[in-house]
Every structure is written in C-alpha cells, then in structure tokens.
Amino acid sequence: MSTKDEDGPSAPSGQPKSPGGYDSRPIPDRLLAIFLTALVLALVLGYLFVNKLAAISSEEDCALGHRYNCAAVEVPR
C-alpha cells in the first residue's frame, strides 16, 4: 500500500514557481532604480523647461504691449 504516487501531482504551495524552477522578482531592483532615476530626471527637466517657457512668454507679452522696460532689471550691489 503506497501513500504517495511518484507520478502524481505535488501538493500546492503558497508561492507560484517560475518556469526556471526558482522564484525570482518580476522586475530586478537595478532596473527599477534606473527607471525611477530617469523618471525623476524627466520631471525635473520638464519643470525647468516649463518655467523657461513661461519666462519667455511673459517677455513676449511685454514686448507686444509696446513697452520698453521688458528686460530683467539687475540691481547693482
């Protein structure tokens, strides 16, 4: 009388197994760090770009209003 078949299915476990026979993370930590760094860099550069466009737009609005004091005023120290 045998208690377990050698060819039968094994008992289900709580963790699914990967096809290679070992458990691995779906996204490696290094790739995740690179992605997050690129995302932060893109957000910072986008913020700086939008601020520069806003400054150019305000200078153009001033010039189109036929005003002569549109340039930035530098205060001497």
C-alpha atoms as a PDB file:
ATOM      1  CA  MET A   1       0.000   0.000   0.000  1.00  0.00           C
ATOM      2  CA  SER A   2       1.626   3.228  -1.223  1.00  0.00           C
ATOM      3  CA  THR A   3       0.759   6.575   0.372  1.00  0.00           C
ATOM      4  CA  LYS A   4       2.041   8.774  -2.475  1.00  0.00           C
ATOM      5  CA  ASP A   5       2.340   8.198  -6.201  1.00  0.00           C
ATOM      6  CA  GLU A   6       5.686   9.172  -7.711  1.00  0.00           C
ATOM      7  CA  ASP A   7       3.953  10.399 -10.875  1.00  0.00           C
ATOM      8  CA  GLY A   8       1.100  12.205  -9.125  1.00  0.00           C
ATOM      9  CA  PRO A   9       0.791  15.949  -8.681  1.00  0.00           C
ATOM     10  CA  SER A  10       2.547  17.556  -5.762  1.00  0.00           C
ATOM     11  CA  ALA A  11       0.728  19.472  -3.083  1.00  0.00           C
ATOM     12  CA  PRO A  12       0.060  23.113  -3.988  1.00  0.00           C
ATOM     13  CA  SER A  13       2.281  25.634  -2.255  1.00  0.00           C
ATOM     14  CA  GLY A  14       1.553  29.249  -1.357  1.00  0.00           C
ATOM     15  CA  GLN A  15       4.115  30.674  -3.798  1.00  0.00           C
ATOM     16  CA  PRO A  16       3.897  30.081  -7.553  1.00  0.00           C
ATOM     17  CA  LYS A  17       7.051  28.657  -9.092  1.00  0.00           C
ATOM     18  CA  SER A  18       8.742  30.264 -12.059  1.00  0.00           C
ATOM     19  CA  PRO A  19       9.399  28.200 -15.203  1.00  0.00           C
ATOM     20  CA  GLY A  20      13.132  28.011 -14.382  1.00  0.00           C
ATOM     21  CA  GLY A  21      12.428  26.223 -11.138  1.00  0.00           C
ATOM     22  CA  TYR A  22      13.412  29.099  -8.846  1.00  0.00           C
ATOM     23  CA  ASP A  23      11.482  32.067  -7.530  1.00  0.00           C
ATOM     24  CA  SER A  24      12.522  35.467  -8.861  1.00  0.00           C
ATOM     25  CA  ARG A  25      11.228  39.018  -8.725  1.00  0.00           C
ATOM     26  CA  PRO A  26       9.311  40.140 -11.810  1.00  0.00           C
ATOM     27  CA  ILE A  27      11.389  43.366 -12.043  1.00  0.00           C
ATOM     28  CA  PRO A  28      15.035  43.434 -10.916  1.00  0.00           C
ATOM     29  CA  ASP A  29      15.987  46.073  -8.341  1.00  0.00           C
ATOM     30  CA  ARG A  30      18.626  47.618 -10.611  1.00  0.00           C
ATOM     31  CA  LEU A  31      16.123  48.118 -13.440  1.00  0.00           C
ATOM     32  CA  LEU A  32      13.619  49.648 -11.035  1.00  0.00           C
ATOM     33  CA  ALA A  33      16.266  52.080  -9.716  1.00  0.00           C
ATOM     34  CA  ILE A  34      17.231  53.103 -13.257  1.00  0.00           C
ATOM     35  CA  PHE A  35      13.596  53.650 -14.182  1.00  0.00           C
ATOM     36  CA  LEU A  36      12.880  55.763 -11.099  1.00  0.00           C
ATOM     37  CA  THR A  37      16.032  57.837 -11.647  1.00  0.00           C
ATOM     38  CA  ALA A  38      15.046  58.501 -15.260  1.00  0.00           C
ATOM     39  CA  LEU A  39      11.531  59.450 -14.157  1.00  0.00           C
ATOM     40  CA  VAL A  40      12.806  61.934 -11.557  1.00  0.00           C
ATOM     41  CA  LEU A  41      15.259  63.413 -14.074  1.00  0.00           C
ATOM     42  CA  ALA A  42      12.495  63.820 -16.673  1.00  0.00           C
ATOM     43  CA  LEU A  43      10.232  65.536 -14.135  1.00  0.00           C
ATOM     44  CA  VAL A  44      12.937  67.981 -13.030  1.00  0.00           C
ATOM     45  CA  LEU A  45      13.935  68.825 -16.598  1.00  0.00           C
ATOM     46  CA  GLY A  46      10.273  69.235 -17.554  1.00  0.00           C
ATOM     47  CA  TYR A  47       9.723  71.627 -14.645  1.00  0.00           C
ATOM     48  CA  LEU A  48      12.746  73.732 -15.649  1.00  0.00           C
ATOM     49  CA  PHE A  49      11.634  73.742 -19.295  1.00  0.00           C
ATOM     50  CA  VAL A  50       8.107  74.910 -18.430  1.00  0.00           C
ATOM     51  CA  ASN A  51       9.500  77.697 -16.229  1.00  0.00           C
ATOM     52  CA  LYS A  52      11.761  78.873 -19.074  1.00  0.00           C
ATOM     53  CA  LEU A  53       8.814  78.870 -21.496  1.00  0.00           C
ATOM     54  CA  ALA A  54       6.757  80.909 -19.012  1.00  0.00           C
ATOM     55  CA  ALA A  55       9.546  83.497 -18.714  1.00  0.00           C
ATOM     56  CA  ILE A  56       9.871  83.773 -22.500  1.00  0.00           C
ATOM     57  CA  SER A  57       6.101  84.130 -22.812  1.00  0.00           C
ATOM     58  CA  SER A  58       5.963  86.965 -20.288  1.00  0.00           C
ATOM     59  CA  GLU A  59       8.802  88.793 -22.106  1.00  0.00           C
ATOM     60  CA  GLU A  60       6.946  88.427 -25.416  1.00  0.00           C
ATOM     61  CA  ASP A  61       3.730  89.710 -23.851  1.00  0.00           C
ATOM     62  CA  CYS A  62       5.602  92.741 -22.558  1.00  0.00           C
ATOM     63  CA  ALA A  63       7.210  93.423 -25.955  1.00  0.00           C
ATOM     64  CA  LEU A  64       3.900  93.019 -27.795  1.00  0.00           C
ATOM     65  CA  GLY A  65       2.406  95.588 -25.435  1.00  0.00           C
ATOM     66  CA  HIS A  66       4.904  98.149 -26.839  1.00  0.00           C
ATOM     67  CA  ARG A  67       6.613  98.601 -23.515  1.00  0.00           C
ATOM     68  CA  TYR A  68      10.300  99.462 -23.342  1.00  0.00           C
ATOM     69  CA  ASN A  69      11.202  98.198 -19.872  1.00  0.00           C
ATOM     70  CA  CYS A  70      10.685  94.494 -20.575  1.00  0.00           C
ATOM     71  CA  ALA A  71      14.198  93.319 -19.787  1.00  0.00           C
ATOM     72  CA  ALA A  72      15.050  91.966 -16.376  1.00  0.00           C
ATOM     73  CA  VAL A  73      16.340  94.643 -14.058  1.00  0.00           C
ATOM     74  CA  GLU A  74      19.646  93.866 -12.378  1.00  0.00           C
ATOM     75  CA  VAL A  75      20.278  95.632  -9.095  1.00  0.00           C
ATOM     76  CA  PRO A  76      23.939  96.594  -8.597  1.00  0.00           C
ATOM     77  CA  ARG A  77      25.470  95.719  -5.220  1.00  0.00           C
END
